[in-house]
Amino acid sequence: MNCSFKLKFRNNMSRREIQQFVHHPGLFTFNDGNANQGMIIVRYNIKEGKIEYYFIPEENVMAYQSAKSHQDLNAHKVLGNQINVEDIRSAEMLN
């Protein structure tokens, strides 16, 4: 059974809208036109007191999950890129 969940926006995605895609594989289209498969994760930056979003490209997802299971606290920085959620134009959850 192939199931997908897709959202497209005339404007950019909000932080609230992206929450259903966090930690799920998906296809993300950014404002610059690039469409990439991967995963969005959320981290709280204690030093700066703010929530940060990272995009983990598909080719790094397995390595990220393995590193996270081994308590690697910097895996998101090493294997992903910090993003601004408002730069995501559309998202499609993949199974």
N, C-alpha and C. Protein backbone atom coordinates (compact mmCIF):
# COMPACT_ATOMS: atom_id res chain seq x y z
N MET A 1 0.84 -1.17 0.00
CA MET A 1 0.00 0.00 0.00
C MET A 1 0.88 1.24 0.00
N ASN A 2 0.75 2.08 -0.99
CA ASN A 2 1.53 3.29 -1.10
C ASN A 2 0.68 4.45 -0.60
N CYS A 3 1.13 5.10 0.43
CA CYS A 3 0.37 6.17 1.05
C CYS A 3 1.25 7.41 1.12
N SER A 4 0.71 8.55 0.75
CA SER A 4 1.48 9.78 0.89
C SER A 4 0.56 10.89 1.36
N PHE A 5 1.14 11.87 1.98
CA PHE A 5 0.43 13.02 2.49
C PHE A 5 1.14 14.23 1.92
N LYS A 6 0.42 15.09 1.22
CA LYS A 6 1.06 16.17 0.51
C LYS A 6 0.43 17.51 0.87
N LEU A 7 1.26 18.52 1.08
CA LEU A 7 0.79 19.87 1.32
C LEU A 7 1.52 20.81 0.38
N LYS A 8 0.78 21.65 -0.29
CA LYS A 8 1.38 22.71 -1.10
C LYS A 8 0.77 24.02 -0.66
N PHE A 9 1.56 25.07 -0.68
CA PHE A 9 1.12 26.36 -0.18
C PHE A 9 1.39 27.44 -1.21
N ARG A 10 0.50 28.41 -1.27
CA ARG A 10 0.75 29.56 -2.13
C ARG A 10 1.88 30.39 -1.54
N ASN A 11 1.91 30.44 -0.22
CA ASN A 11 2.99 31.11 0.49
C ASN A 11 3.89 30.04 1.09
N ASN A 12 4.69 30.40 2.03
CA ASN A 12 5.61 29.45 2.63
C ASN A 12 4.93 28.71 3.78
N MET A 13 5.52 27.57 4.17
CA MET A 13 4.99 26.79 5.29
C MET A 13 5.28 27.51 6.60
N SER A 14 4.34 27.40 7.53
CA SER A 14 4.55 27.97 8.85
C SER A 14 5.16 26.91 9.76
N ARG A 15 5.63 27.32 10.91
CA ARG A 15 6.17 26.39 11.89
C ARG A 15 5.10 25.39 12.32
N ARG A 16 3.88 25.83 12.44
CA ARG A 16 2.80 24.93 12.85
C ARG A 16 2.51 23.88 11.77
N GLU A 17 2.52 24.30 10.51
CA GLU A 17 2.23 23.38 9.40
C GLU A 17 3.31 22.32 9.24
N ILE A 18 4.55 22.66 9.53
CA ILE A 18 5.65 21.71 9.32
C ILE A 18 5.68 20.63 10.40
N GLN A 19 5.02 20.83 11.52
CA GLN A 19 5.11 19.89 12.64
C GLN A 19 4.70 18.46 12.26
N GLN A 20 3.74 18.31 11.37
CA GLN A 20 3.31 16.95 10.98
C GLN A 20 4.35 16.24 10.12
N PHE A 21 5.37 16.95 9.65
CA PHE A 21 6.42 16.35 8.82
C PHE A 21 7.71 16.08 9.59
N VAL A 22 7.80 16.56 10.83
CA VAL A 22 9.02 16.40 11.62
C VAL A 22 9.27 14.92 11.90
N HIS A 23 10.49 14.48 11.66
CA HIS A 23 10.96 13.11 11.87
C HIS A 23 10.28 12.08 10.98
N HIS A 24 9.76 12.51 9.83
CA HIS A 24 9.18 11.59 8.84
C HIS A 24 9.88 11.83 7.50
N PRO A 25 10.19 10.76 6.77
CA PRO A 25 10.79 10.94 5.44
C PRO A 25 9.81 11.68 4.53
N GLY A 26 10.34 12.58 3.75
CA GLY A 26 9.47 13.33 2.86
C GLY A 26 10.23 13.95 1.70
N LEU A 27 9.46 14.53 0.80
CA LEU A 27 10.00 15.30 -0.32
C LEU A 27 9.68 16.75 -0.02
N PHE A 28 10.71 17.57 0.09
CA PHE A 28 10.55 18.97 0.46
C PHE A 28 11.00 19.86 -0.69
N THR A 29 10.15 20.78 -1.08
CA THR A 29 10.48 21.74 -2.13
C THR A 29 10.70 23.09 -1.46
N PHE A 30 11.83 23.69 -1.76
CA PHE A 30 12.22 24.94 -1.14
C PHE A 30 11.95 26.11 -2.10
N ASN A 31 11.95 27.32 -1.56
CA ASN A 31 11.67 28.52 -2.35
C ASN A 31 12.62 28.71 -3.52
N ASP A 32 13.85 28.18 -3.41
CA ASP A 32 14.82 28.35 -4.50
C ASP A 32 14.57 27.36 -5.64
N GLY A 33 13.52 26.52 -5.50
CA GLY A 33 13.17 25.57 -6.56
C GLY A 33 13.72 24.17 -6.35
N ASN A 34 14.67 24.01 -5.45
CA ASN A 34 15.24 22.69 -5.17
C ASN A 34 14.22 21.81 -4.47
N ALA A 35 14.10 20.57 -4.92
CA ALA A 35 13.24 19.58 -4.27
C ALA A 35 14.14 18.44 -3.82
N ASN A 36 14.12 18.15 -2.53
CA ASN A 36 15.00 17.13 -1.97
C ASN A 36 14.24 16.19 -1.05
N GLN A 37 14.60 14.91 -1.12
CA GLN A 37 14.06 13.96 -0.17
C GLN A 37 14.93 13.98 1.08
N GLY A 38 14.29 13.80 2.21
CA GLY A 38 15.02 13.79 3.46
C GLY A 38 14.07 13.88 4.63
N MET A 39 14.56 14.45 5.72
CA MET A 39 13.79 14.53 6.95
C MET A 39 14.06 15.87 7.64
N ILE A 40 13.00 16.46 8.18
CA ILE A 40 13.12 17.67 8.98
C ILE A 40 13.18 17.25 10.44
N ILE A 41 14.11 17.81 11.18
CA ILE A 41 14.16 17.56 12.62
C ILE A 41 14.17 18.90 13.34
N VAL A 42 13.80 18.86 14.60
CA VAL A 42 13.73 20.06 15.44
C VAL A 42 14.66 19.86 16.63
N ARG A 43 15.43 20.88 16.92
CA ARG A 43 16.32 20.86 18.08
C ARG A 43 16.14 22.16 18.85
N TYR A 44 16.25 22.09 20.16
CA TYR A 44 16.19 23.29 20.99
C TYR A 44 17.62 23.72 21.30
N ASN A 45 17.96 24.94 20.94
CA ASN A 45 19.28 25.51 21.19
C ASN A 45 19.23 26.18 22.56
N ILE A 46 19.82 25.52 23.55
CA ILE A 46 19.77 26.01 24.93
C ILE A 46 20.50 27.34 25.06
N LYS A 47 21.69 27.44 24.45
CA LYS A 47 22.48 28.67 24.55
C LYS A 47 21.71 29.90 24.06
N GLU A 48 21.03 29.74 22.92
CA GLU A 48 20.33 30.87 22.32
C GLU A 48 18.86 30.92 22.71
N GLY A 49 18.38 29.88 23.38
CA GLY A 49 16.99 29.85 23.85
C GLY A 49 15.97 29.86 22.72
N LYS A 50 16.25 29.07 21.66
CA LYS A 50 15.32 29.05 20.53
C LYS A 50 15.27 27.68 19.89
N ILE A 51 14.20 27.45 19.16
CA ILE A 51 14.02 26.21 18.41
C ILE A 51 14.67 26.36 17.05
N GLU A 52 15.41 25.33 16.63
CA GLU A 52 16.06 25.33 15.32
C GLU A 52 15.57 24.12 14.52
N TYR A 53 15.48 24.31 13.21
CA TYR A 53 15.05 23.26 12.30
C TYR A 53 16.23 22.87 11.41
N TYR A 54 16.37 21.56 11.19
CA TYR A 54 17.45 21.04 10.34
C TYR A 54 16.85 20.12 9.29
N PHE A 55 17.44 20.16 8.10
CA PHE A 55 17.06 19.24 7.03
C PHE A 55 18.16 18.20 6.91
N ILE A 56 17.79 16.93 7.07
CA ILE A 56 18.73 15.81 6.91
C ILE A 56 18.46 15.21 5.53
N PRO A 57 19.40 15.33 4.58
CA PRO A 57 19.19 14.76 3.24
C PRO A 57 19.00 13.24 3.31
N GLU A 58 18.27 12.72 2.35
CA GLU A 58 17.95 11.29 2.31
C GLU A 58 19.18 10.40 2.48
N GLU A 59 20.29 10.76 1.84
CA GLU A 59 21.48 9.92 1.91
C GLU A 59 22.11 9.90 3.31
N ASN A 60 21.70 10.82 4.20
CA ASN A 60 22.25 10.88 5.56
C ASN A 60 21.26 10.43 6.63
N VAL A 61 20.03 10.11 6.26
CA VAL A 61 19.00 9.78 7.25
C VAL A 61 19.38 8.57 8.09
N MET A 62 19.83 7.49 7.47
CA MET A 62 20.20 6.29 8.22
C MET A 62 21.37 6.58 9.16
N ALA A 63 22.36 7.32 8.70
CA ALA A 63 23.50 7.67 9.54
C ALA A 63 23.05 8.56 10.70
N TYR A 64 22.13 9.48 10.44
CA TYR A 64 21.60 10.34 11.50
C TYR A 64 20.88 9.51 12.55
N GLN A 65 20.01 8.60 12.11
CA GLN A 65 19.26 7.78 13.06
C GLN A 65 20.20 6.91 13.90
N SER A 66 21.23 6.38 13.29
CA SER A 66 22.22 5.57 14.01
C SER A 66 22.97 6.43 15.03
N ALA A 67 23.42 7.61 14.60
CA ALA A 67 24.15 8.50 15.50
C ALA A 67 23.26 8.95 16.66
N LYS A 68 22.02 9.23 16.37
CA LYS A 68 21.09 9.66 17.42
C LYS A 68 20.87 8.54 18.43
N SER A 69 20.79 7.29 17.96
CA SER A 69 20.60 6.16 18.87
C SER A 69 21.83 5.94 19.75
N HIS A 70 22.98 6.47 19.33
CA HIS A 70 24.20 6.38 20.12
C HIS A 70 24.48 7.68 20.87
N GLN A 71 23.44 8.50 21.03
CA GLN A 71 23.51 9.74 21.81
C GLN A 71 24.50 10.77 21.25
N ASP A 72 24.70 10.78 19.93
CA ASP A 72 25.56 11.79 19.31
C ASP A 72 24.77 13.10 19.25
N LEU A 73 25.13 14.04 20.11
CA LEU A 73 24.37 15.28 20.23
C LEU A 73 24.60 16.27 19.09
N ASN A 74 25.59 16.02 18.25
CA ASN A 74 25.87 16.93 17.14
C ASN A 74 25.56 16.32 15.77
N ALA A 75 24.90 15.19 15.74
CA ALA A 75 24.61 14.51 14.47
C ALA A 75 23.82 15.41 13.53
N HIS A 76 22.89 16.19 14.06
CA HIS A 76 22.07 17.06 13.20
C HIS A 76 22.92 18.13 12.51
N LYS A 77 23.99 18.58 13.17
CA LYS A 77 24.86 19.60 12.59
C LYS A 77 25.82 19.00 11.57
N VAL A 78 26.28 17.78 11.83
CA VAL A 78 27.24 17.12 10.96
C VAL A 78 26.57 16.57 9.70
N LEU A 79 25.37 16.00 9.87
CA LEU A 79 24.71 15.30 8.75
C LEU A 79 23.59 16.11 8.09
N GLY A 80 23.27 17.27 8.64
CA GLY A 80 22.18 18.07 8.09
C GLY A 80 22.55 19.53 7.94
N ASN A 81 21.56 20.30 7.51
CA ASN A 81 21.74 21.74 7.32
C ASN A 81 20.63 22.47 8.06
N GLN A 82 21.02 23.52 8.79
CA GLN A 82 20.00 24.32 9.46
C GLN A 82 19.20 25.06 8.40
N ILE A 83 17.87 25.08 8.58
CA ILE A 83 17.00 25.72 7.60
C ILE A 83 16.03 26.67 8.30
N ASN A 84 15.46 27.54 7.51
CA ASN A 84 14.37 28.39 7.95
C ASN A 84 13.10 27.73 7.42
N VAL A 85 12.18 27.37 8.30
CA VAL A 85 10.96 26.65 7.90
C VAL A 85 10.18 27.44 6.85
N GLU A 86 10.23 28.74 6.93
CA GLU A 86 9.49 29.56 5.97
C GLU A 86 10.04 29.44 4.55
N ASP A 87 11.21 28.82 4.39
CA ASP A 87 11.79 28.61 3.07
C ASP A 87 11.26 27.35 2.38
N ILE A 88 10.42 26.58 3.08
CA ILE A 88 9.84 25.37 2.49
C ILE A 88 8.55 25.75 1.77
N ARG A 89 8.50 25.45 0.48
CA ARG A 89 7.33 25.78 -0.34
C ARG A 89 6.27 24.69 -0.26
N SER A 90 6.70 23.42 -0.32
CA SER A 90 5.75 22.32 -0.23
C SER A 90 6.43 21.11 0.39
N ALA A 91 5.60 20.20 0.88
CA ALA A 91 6.13 18.99 1.52
C ALA A 91 5.20 17.83 1.22
N GLU A 92 5.80 16.67 1.00
CA GLU A 92 5.05 15.45 0.76
C GLU A 92 5.68 14.35 1.59
N MET A 93 4.88 13.75 2.49
CA MET A 93 5.37 12.67 3.33
C MET A 93 5.48 11.41 2.47
N LEU A 94 6.61 10.71 2.61
CA LEU A 94 6.85 9.49 1.84
C LEU A 94 6.89 8.29 2.78
N ASN A 95 6.45 7.14 2.25
CA ASN A 95 6.54 5.88 3.00
C ASN A 95 7.52 4.95 2.34
